[in-house]
Structures are given as structure tokens and as C-alpha cells.
C-alpha atoms as a PDB file:
ATOM      1  CA  MET A   1      -1.595   8.942 -28.655  1.00  0.00           C
ATOM      2  CA  SER A   2       1.681  10.879 -28.719  1.00  0.00           C
ATOM      3  CA  SER A   3       3.646  11.572 -25.557  1.00  0.00           C
ATOM      4  CA  ARG A   4       2.814  15.284 -25.790  1.00  0.00           C
ATOM      5  CA  ALA A   5      -0.887  14.520 -26.140  1.00  0.00           C
ATOM      6  CA  SER A   6      -0.736  12.130 -23.182  1.00  0.00           C
ATOM      7  CA  ALA A   7       0.998  14.780 -21.114  1.00  0.00           C
ATOM      8  CA  ALA A   8      -1.712  17.303 -22.034  1.00  0.00           C
ATOM      9  CA  VAL A   9      -4.427  14.845 -20.928  1.00  0.00           C
ATOM     10  CA  ASP A  10      -2.581  14.147 -17.679  1.00  0.00           C
ATOM     11  CA  ARG A  11      -2.311  17.877 -16.930  1.00  0.00           C
ATOM     12  CA  ALA A  12      -6.028  18.364 -17.526  1.00  0.00           C
ATOM     13  CA  LEU A  13      -6.928  15.389 -15.309  1.00  0.00           C
ATOM     14  CA  ASP A  14      -4.526  16.526 -12.597  1.00  0.00           C
ATOM     15  CA  LYS A  15      -6.126  19.975 -12.578  1.00  0.00           C
ATOM     16  CA  ARG A  16      -9.596  18.423 -12.232  1.00  0.00           C
ATOM     17  CA  GLN A  17      -8.416  16.180  -9.417  1.00  0.00           C
ATOM     18  CA  ARG A  18      -6.949  19.130  -7.512  1.00  0.00           C
ATOM     19  CA  GLN A  19     -10.184  21.057  -7.976  1.00  0.00           C
ATOM     20  CA  ALA A  20     -12.254  18.083  -6.825  1.00  0.00           C
ATOM     21  CA  ALA A  21     -10.054  17.611  -3.741  1.00  0.00           C
ATOM     22  CA  ALA A  22     -10.394  21.315  -2.897  1.00  0.00           C
ATOM     23  CA  ASP A  23     -14.189  21.200  -3.373  1.00  0.00           C
ATOM     24  CA  VAL A  24     -14.564  18.142  -1.128  1.00  0.00           C
ATOM     25  CA  GLU A  25     -12.297  19.555   1.598  1.00  0.00           C
ATOM     26  CA  ARG A  26     -14.241  22.827   1.623  1.00  0.00           C
ATOM     27  CA  ILE A  27     -17.559  20.963   1.929  1.00  0.00           C
ATOM     28  CA  LEU A  28     -16.272  18.705   4.729  1.00  0.00           C
ATOM     29  CA  VAL A  29     -14.932  21.645   6.751  1.00  0.00           C
ATOM     30  CA  ALA A  30     -18.237  23.454   6.241  1.00  0.00           C
ATOM     31  CA  ALA A  31     -20.238  20.371   7.250  1.00  0.00           C
ATOM     32  CA  ALA A  32     -18.234  19.992  10.473  1.00  0.00           C
ATOM     33  CA  THR A  33     -18.752  23.676  11.260  1.00  0.00           C
ATOM     34  CA  VAL A  34     -22.503  23.486  10.642  1.00  0.00           C
ATOM     35  CA  MET A  35     -22.875  20.267  12.664  1.00  0.00           C
ATOM     36  CA  GLU A  36     -21.007  21.825  15.556  1.00  0.00           C
ATOM     37  CA  ARG A  37     -23.211  24.926  15.384  1.00  0.00           C
ATOM     38  CA  THR A  38     -26.579  23.169  15.039  1.00  0.00           C
ATOM     39  CA  SER A  39     -25.990  20.100  17.248  1.00  0.00           C
ATOM     40  CA  PRO A  40     -28.020  18.197  18.320  1.00  0.00           C
ATOM     41  CA  ALA A  41     -30.287  19.210  15.423  1.00  0.00           C
ATOM     42  CA  ALA A  42     -29.415  17.694  12.073  1.00  0.00           C
ATOM     43  CA  PRO A  43     -27.530  19.931   9.631  1.00  0.00           C
ATOM     44  CA  ARG A  44     -29.276  21.019   6.444  1.00  0.00           C
ATOM     45  CA  VAL A  45     -27.612  20.624   3.080  1.00  0.00           C
ATOM     46  CA  ALA A  46     -28.561  24.232   2.308  1.00  0.00           C
ATOM     47  CA  ASP A  47     -26.629  25.427   5.374  1.00  0.00           C
ATOM     48  CA  ILE A  48     -23.584  23.332   4.471  1.00  0.00           C
ATOM     49  CA  VAL A  49     -23.617  24.662   0.912  1.00  0.00           C
ATOM     50  CA  ALA A  50     -23.898  28.245   2.171  1.00  0.00           C
ATOM     51  CA  GLU A  51     -21.087  27.759   4.707  1.00  0.00           C
ATOM     52  CA  ALA A  52     -18.851  26.257   2.011  1.00  0.00           C
ATOM     53  CA  GLY A  53     -19.640  29.069  -0.401  1.00  0.00           C
ATOM     54  CA  THR A  54     -20.498  26.566  -3.099  1.00  0.00           C
ATOM     55  CA  SER A  55     -23.621  25.331  -4.900  1.00  0.00           C
ATOM     56  CA  ASN A  56     -26.070  22.439  -4.628  1.00  0.00           C
ATOM     57  CA  LYS A  57     -24.755  21.166  -7.948  1.00  0.00           C
ATOM     58  CA  THR A  58     -21.211  21.005  -6.582  1.00  0.00           C
ATOM     59  CA  PHE A  59     -22.349  19.390  -3.331  1.00  0.00           C
ATOM     60  CA  TYR A  60     -24.303  16.626  -5.080  1.00  0.00           C
ATOM     61  CA  ARG A  61     -21.444  16.011  -7.485  1.00  0.00           C
ATOM     62  CA  TYR A  62     -19.552  14.489  -4.567  1.00  0.00           C
ATOM     63  CA  PHE A  63     -22.138  13.465  -1.978  1.00  0.00           C
ATOM     64  CA  THR A  64     -25.501  11.725  -2.213  1.00  0.00           C
ATOM     65  CA  GLY A  65     -26.946  13.755   0.640  1.00  0.00           C
ATOM     66  CA  LYS A  66     -26.726  14.778   4.285  1.00  0.00           C
ATOM     67  CA  ASP A  67     -26.049  11.295   5.712  1.00  0.00           C
ATOM     68  CA  ASP A  68     -23.266  10.699   3.209  1.00  0.00           C
ATOM     69  CA  VAL A  69     -21.432  13.889   4.138  1.00  0.00           C
ATOM     70  CA  ILE A  70     -21.833  13.194   7.885  1.00  0.00           C
ATOM     71  CA  LEU A  71     -20.095   9.850   7.425  1.00  0.00           C
ATOM     72  CA  ALA A  72     -17.393  11.525   5.325  1.00  0.00           C
ATOM     73  CA  VAL A  73     -16.774  14.067   8.092  1.00  0.00           C
ATOM     74  CA  MET A  74     -16.347  11.258  10.610  1.00  0.00           C
ATOM     75  CA  GLU A  75     -14.024   9.390   8.253  1.00  0.00           C
ATOM     76  CA  ARG A  76     -11.939  12.538   7.863  1.00  0.00           C
ATOM     77  CA  GLY A  77     -11.843  12.928  11.646  1.00  0.00           C
ATOM     78  CA  VAL A  78     -10.688   9.336  12.114  1.00  0.00           C
ATOM     79  CA  GLY A  79      -7.901  10.027   9.631  1.00  0.00           C
ATOM     80  CA  ILE A  80      -6.741  13.029  11.653  1.00  0.00           C
ATOM     81  CA  VAL A  81      -6.789  11.007  14.887  1.00  0.00           C
ATOM     82  CA  MET A  82      -4.932   8.150  13.170  1.00  0.00           C
ATOM     83  CA  SER A  83      -2.149  10.507  12.108  1.00  0.00           C
ATOM     84  CA  TYR A  84      -1.849  11.807  15.669  1.00  0.00           C
ATOM     85  CA  LEU A  85      -1.837   8.305  17.193  1.00  0.00           C
ATOM     86  CA  GLU A  86       0.758   7.010  14.738  1.00  0.00           C
ATOM     87  CA  HIS A  87       3.019   9.931  15.600  1.00  0.00           C
ATOM     88  CA  GLN A  88       2.629   9.363  19.340  1.00  0.00           C
ATOM     89  CA  MET A  89       3.109   5.607  19.126  1.00  0.00           C
ATOM     90  CA  SER A  90       6.223   5.969  16.961  1.00  0.00           C
ATOM     91  CA  LYS A  91       7.964   7.580  19.950  1.00  0.00           C
ATOM     92  CA  GLU A  92       7.830   4.327  21.907  1.00  0.00           C
ATOM     93  CA  PRO A  93      10.007   1.250  21.264  1.00  0.00           C
ATOM     94  CA  SER A  94       7.986  -1.234  23.319  1.00  0.00           C
ATOM     95  CA  PRO A  95       4.510  -2.540  22.404  1.00  0.00           C
ATOM     96  CA  VAL A  96       3.159  -1.945  25.923  1.00  0.00           C
ATOM     97  CA  ALA A  97       4.227   1.706  25.799  1.00  0.00           C
ATOM     98  CA  GLN A  98       2.642   1.997  22.345  1.00  0.00           C
ATOM     99  CA  ILE A  99      -0.662   0.660  23.716  1.00  0.00           C
ATOM    100  CA  ASP A 100      -0.400   3.187  26.549  1.00  0.00           C
ATOM    101  CA  ARG A 101       0.081   5.976  23.980  1.00  0.00           C
ATOM    102  CA  TRP A 102      -2.865   4.726  21.916  1.00  0.00           C
ATOM    103  CA  ILE A 103      -5.240   4.801  24.895  1.00  0.00           C
ATOM    104  CA  ARG A 104      -4.112   8.235  26.043  1.00  0.00           C
ATOM    105  CA  GLY A 105      -4.184   9.578  22.493  1.00  0.00           C
ATOM    106  CA  VAL A 106      -7.781   8.523  21.934  1.00  0.00           C
ATOM    107  CA  LEU A 107      -8.883  10.001  25.263  1.00  0.00           C
ATOM    108  CA  ALA A 108      -6.949  13.221  24.566  1.00  0.00           C
ATOM    109  CA  GLN A 109      -9.600  14.193  22.005  1.00  0.00           C
ATOM    110  CA  VAL A 110     -11.968  14.997  24.841  1.00  0.00           C
ATOM    111  CA  GLY A 111      -9.420  17.379  26.341  1.00  0.00           C
ATOM    112  CA  ASP A 112      -9.167  19.438  23.151  1.00  0.00           C
ATOM    113  CA  PRO A 113     -12.198  21.792  23.123  1.00  0.00           C
ATOM    114  CA  LYS A 114     -12.382  22.061  19.327  1.00  0.00           C
ATOM    115  CA  LEU A 115     -11.922  18.332  18.644  1.00  0.00           C
ATOM    116  CA  ALA A 116     -14.347  17.461  21.428  1.00  0.00           C
ATOM    117  CA  SER A 117     -17.008  19.813  20.081  1.00  0.00           C
ATOM    118  CA  ILE A 118     -16.783  18.397  16.560  1.00  0.00           C
ATOM    119  CA  SER A 119     -16.571  14.773  17.765  1.00  0.00           C
ATOM    120  CA  ARG A 120     -19.621  15.273  19.981  1.00  0.00           C
ATOM    121  CA  ALA A 121     -21.636  16.777  17.136  1.00  0.00           C
ATOM    122  CA  VAL A 122     -20.686  14.041  14.659  1.00  0.00           C
ATOM    123  CA  THR A 123     -21.349  11.249  17.179  1.00  0.00           C
ATOM    124  CA  ARG A 124     -24.820  12.639  17.880  1.00  0.00           C
ATOM    125  CA  GLN A 125     -25.585  12.783  14.181  1.00  0.00           C
ATOM    126  CA  LEU A 126     -24.388   9.216  13.613  1.00  0.00           C
ATOM    127  CA  THR A 127     -26.973   7.884  16.048  1.00  0.00           C
ATOM    128  CA  SER A 128     -29.708   9.327  13.831  1.00  0.00           C
ATOM    129  CA  THR A 129     -28.424   8.032  10.489  1.00  0.00           C
ATOM    130  CA  PRO A 130     -29.685   4.733   9.033  1.00  0.00           C
ATOM    131  CA  TYR A 131     -26.123   3.395   9.110  1.00  0.00           C
ATOM    132  CA  SER A 132     -25.271   4.156  12.724  1.00  0.00           C
ATOM    133  CA  GLY A 133     -24.143   0.724  14.010  1.00  0.00           C
ATOM    134  CA  GLN A 134     -22.297  -0.978  11.171  1.00  0.00           C
ATOM    135  CA  GLU A 135     -20.987   2.201   9.569  1.00  0.00           C
ATOM    136  CA  ASP A 136     -19.600   3.363  12.895  1.00  0.00           C
ATOM    137  CA  LEU A 137     -17.673   0.101  13.275  1.00  0.00           C
ATOM    138  CA  GLN A 138     -16.326   0.297   9.746  1.00  0.00           C
ATOM    139  CA  LEU A 139     -15.263   3.926  10.036  1.00  0.00           C
ATOM    140  CA  THR A 140     -13.389   3.393  13.300  1.00  0.00           C
ATOM    141  CA  GLN A 141     -11.811   0.092  12.167  1.00  0.00           C
ATOM    142  CA  PRO A 142      -8.455   1.780  11.363  1.00  0.00           C
ATOM    143  CA  LEU A 143      -8.166   2.755  15.036  1.00  0.00           C
ATOM    144  CA  ARG A 144      -8.625  -0.880  16.046  1.00  0.00           C
ATOM    145  CA  ASP A 145      -6.149  -2.060  13.430  1.00  0.00           C
ATOM    146  CA  LEU A 146      -3.531   0.371  14.736  1.00  0.00           C
ATOM    147  CA  LEU A 147      -3.945  -1.030  18.251  1.00  0.00           C
ATOM    148  CA  TYR A 148      -3.857  -4.678  17.107  1.00  0.00           C
ATOM    149  CA  GLY A 149      -0.169  -4.594  16.100  1.00  0.00           C
ATOM    150  CA  PRO A 150       1.320  -3.738  19.499  1.00  0.00           C
ATOM    151  CA  VAL A 151      -1.204  -5.965  21.283  1.00  0.00           C
ATOM    152  CA  CYS A 152       0.058  -8.897  19.176  1.00  0.00           C
ATOM    153  CA  GLU A 153       3.676  -7.972  19.868  1.00  0.00           C
ATOM    154  CA  SER A 154       3.009  -7.756  23.602  1.00  0.00           C
ATOM    155  CA  GLY A 155       2.506 -11.524  23.701  1.00  0.00           C
ATOM    156  CA  VAL A 156      -1.192 -11.638  24.593  1.00  0.00           C
ATOM    157  CA  ASP A 157      -2.629 -15.152  24.152  1.00  0.00           C
ATOM    158  CA  ASP A 158      -5.710 -13.931  22.277  1.00  0.00           C
ATOM    159  CA  PRO A 159      -4.708 -10.618  20.648  1.00  0.00           C
ATOM    160  CA  ALA A 160      -7.991 -10.202  18.755  1.00  0.00           C
ATOM    161  CA  ARG A 161     -10.062 -10.336  21.942  1.00  0.00           C
ATOM    162  CA  GLY A 162      -7.531  -8.252  23.828  1.00  0.00           C
ATOM    163  CA  THR A 163      -7.622  -5.594  21.137  1.00  0.00           C
ATOM    164  CA  ASP A 164     -11.419  -5.582  21.045  1.00  0.00           C
ATOM    165  CA  SER A 165     -11.617  -5.216  24.825  1.00  0.00           C
ATOM    166  CA  VAL A 166      -9.238  -2.244  25.025  1.00  0.00           C
ATOM    167  CA  TYR A 167     -10.695  -0.668  21.887  1.00  0.00           C
ATOM    168  CA  THR A 168     -14.308  -0.959  23.062  1.00  0.00           C
ATOM    169  CA  ALA A 169     -13.557   0.246  26.584  1.00  0.00           C
ATOM    170  CA  THR A 170     -11.483   3.225  25.414  1.00  0.00           C
ATOM    171  CA  LEU A 171     -13.973   4.428  22.810  1.00  0.00           C
ATOM    172  CA  GLY A 172     -16.770   3.896  25.325  1.00  0.00           C
ATOM    173  CA  LEU A 173     -15.009   6.072  27.907  1.00  0.00           C
ATOM    174  CA  MET A 174     -14.203   8.716  25.300  1.00  0.00           C
ATOM    175  CA  ARG A 175     -17.818   8.933  24.163  1.00  0.00           C
ATOM    176  CA  ARG A 176     -19.115   8.984  27.729  1.00  0.00           C
ATOM    177  CA  GLN A 177     -16.905  11.969  28.489  1.00  0.00           C
ATOM    178  CA  LEU A 178     -18.004  13.638  25.259  1.00  0.00           C
ATOM    179  CA  SER A 179     -21.627  13.259  26.345  1.00  0.00           C
ATOM    180  CA  LEU A 180     -20.733  14.781  29.727  1.00  0.00           C
ATOM    181  CA  ASP A 181     -18.889  17.590  27.928  1.00  0.00           C
ATOM    182  CA  GLU A 182     -15.777  17.190  30.053  1.00  0.00           C
ATOM    183  CA  PRO A 183     -12.449  15.327  29.882  1.00  0.00           C
ATOM    184  CA  ALA A 184     -11.827  12.419  32.206  1.00  0.00           C
ATOM    185  CA  ASP A 185     -10.101  13.252  35.465  1.00  0.00           C
ATOM    186  CA  ALA A 186      -6.310  12.732  35.230  1.00  0.00           C
ATOM    187  CA  ALA A 187      -6.395  10.181  38.051  1.00  0.00           C
ATOM    188  CA  ASP A 188      -9.218   8.314  36.305  1.00  0.00           C
ATOM    189  CA  VAL A 189      -7.196   8.201  33.069  1.00  0.00           C
ATOM    190  CA  GLU A 190      -4.191   6.792  34.946  1.00  0.00           C
ATOM    191  CA  TYR A 191      -6.371   4.139  36.548  1.00  0.00           C
ATOM    192  CA  PHE A 192      -8.027   3.271  33.247  1.00  0.00           C
ATOM    193  CA  VAL A 193      -4.708   2.895  31.393  1.00  0.00           C
ATOM    194  CA  SER A 194      -3.295   0.750  34.205  1.00  0.00           C
ATOM    195  CA  PHE A 195      -6.461  -1.363  34.263  1.00  0.00           C
ATOM    196  CA  CYS A 196      -6.292  -2.008  30.511  1.00  0.00           C
ATOM    197  CA  LEU A 197      -2.596  -2.897  30.559  1.00  0.00           C
ATOM    198  CA  LYS A 198      -3.032  -5.243  33.521  1.00  0.00           C
ATOM    199  CA  GLY A 199      -5.977  -6.876  31.786  1.00  0.00           C
ATOM    200  CA  LEU A 200      -3.878  -7.499  28.685  1.00  0.00           C
ATOM    201  CA  SER A 201      -0.986  -8.910  30.700  1.00  0.00           C
ATOM    202  CA  ALA A 202      -3.382 -11.272  32.480  1.00  0.00           C
ATOM    203  CA  GLY A 203      -4.699 -12.480  29.123  1.00  0.00           C
END
């Protein structure tokens, strides 16, 4: 194939990829909106399609069904949180300060009304999907991986267990506060961060 022909093919593929990315983003935003509006009831594909202003054909081109798009919404949310955490942690030179930022950054989601509302809706839906346990762990794995680096650098004897302990406790507190529909008290956050850091230093 000539270079001009190859370039023509590349342009056509690039256009399709941009269209596909736009379609998927529109569906994910619509799904999050519908889940937030209908929670705790499960969203209907018909409502997501209507909110996105698209068609069933377009929806099923990218997703196998309701459960698939719920997981995709959570994955997208984890990506947004990851970007925020990476930015916050990059401000700190020491691993202990980076761990501190990670904990506070995860808990900060509850303090943002919009993020909290979406996170609460998605978490409720996950408990009703057939993938709830294992899929949840897989989707949030990047958050654990981000924490593991500074925990290792902090000199903890067993960084894997230390990471798991802080990760599990922090996500547990975040989800408890989401279920209560309120952020943790500032004094409680300070105590929790101090408790986690002392626990790591003791390990």
C-alpha cells in the first residue's frame, strides 16, 4: 500500500476512534447521571440511552448491558481519583507525607457533594451486580498500587501488608461516610491519618 493510501486509512481510523471515544464518554456521563438520580434503584438501559441522546444500537456497540456500564463508570471514577491523588502526592518529597496525602485525598471524595453523590450511587449498584466482590477489588487496584510505592519507601518491614491495612481501612471509612451521607469530622480525619501513620511506623 502506498504512503498516501496508508495515510488515508489512518485518517479514517482516527476519525472512527474519536467518534467511539466521544460515544463512550457520553454514555458514561449519562449512566452516572441516571444512577445518581435513580439510586438506590438500578438504572435502566433505556434511561441511560435517553439521557445520552443516543440509541440502543450505539449503546450495545460498546457495552454488553447495564452491569458492564456500571463497572465502566466506576473505572472512570477511579481514574479521576487517581489523577487527583497523583497530583496531590507529587507535592510532597517524603514518602510519609505522600501517604498522608493519599489518605486525605481518598477521604476528600466524601466532602465533595457531587463526587460523593456519584460514588454513593455507584457503590450501591456494585453490591447488586454479579461481580461485586472481585470486580471491586480489581477496579480499585490502581489506588492500592499508588499507595504501595511510598509505603515501600517509608521502610516498613512488610510493605504489602502495610499497604493493604491502610488501603482497606481508608476505603472502609470512606464508604461508611458515604453510607451516612456526610464527610468525616475533621478531628476524626486527623486521628485516622495519625493512627495509620503510627501503625505503619510500628510495622
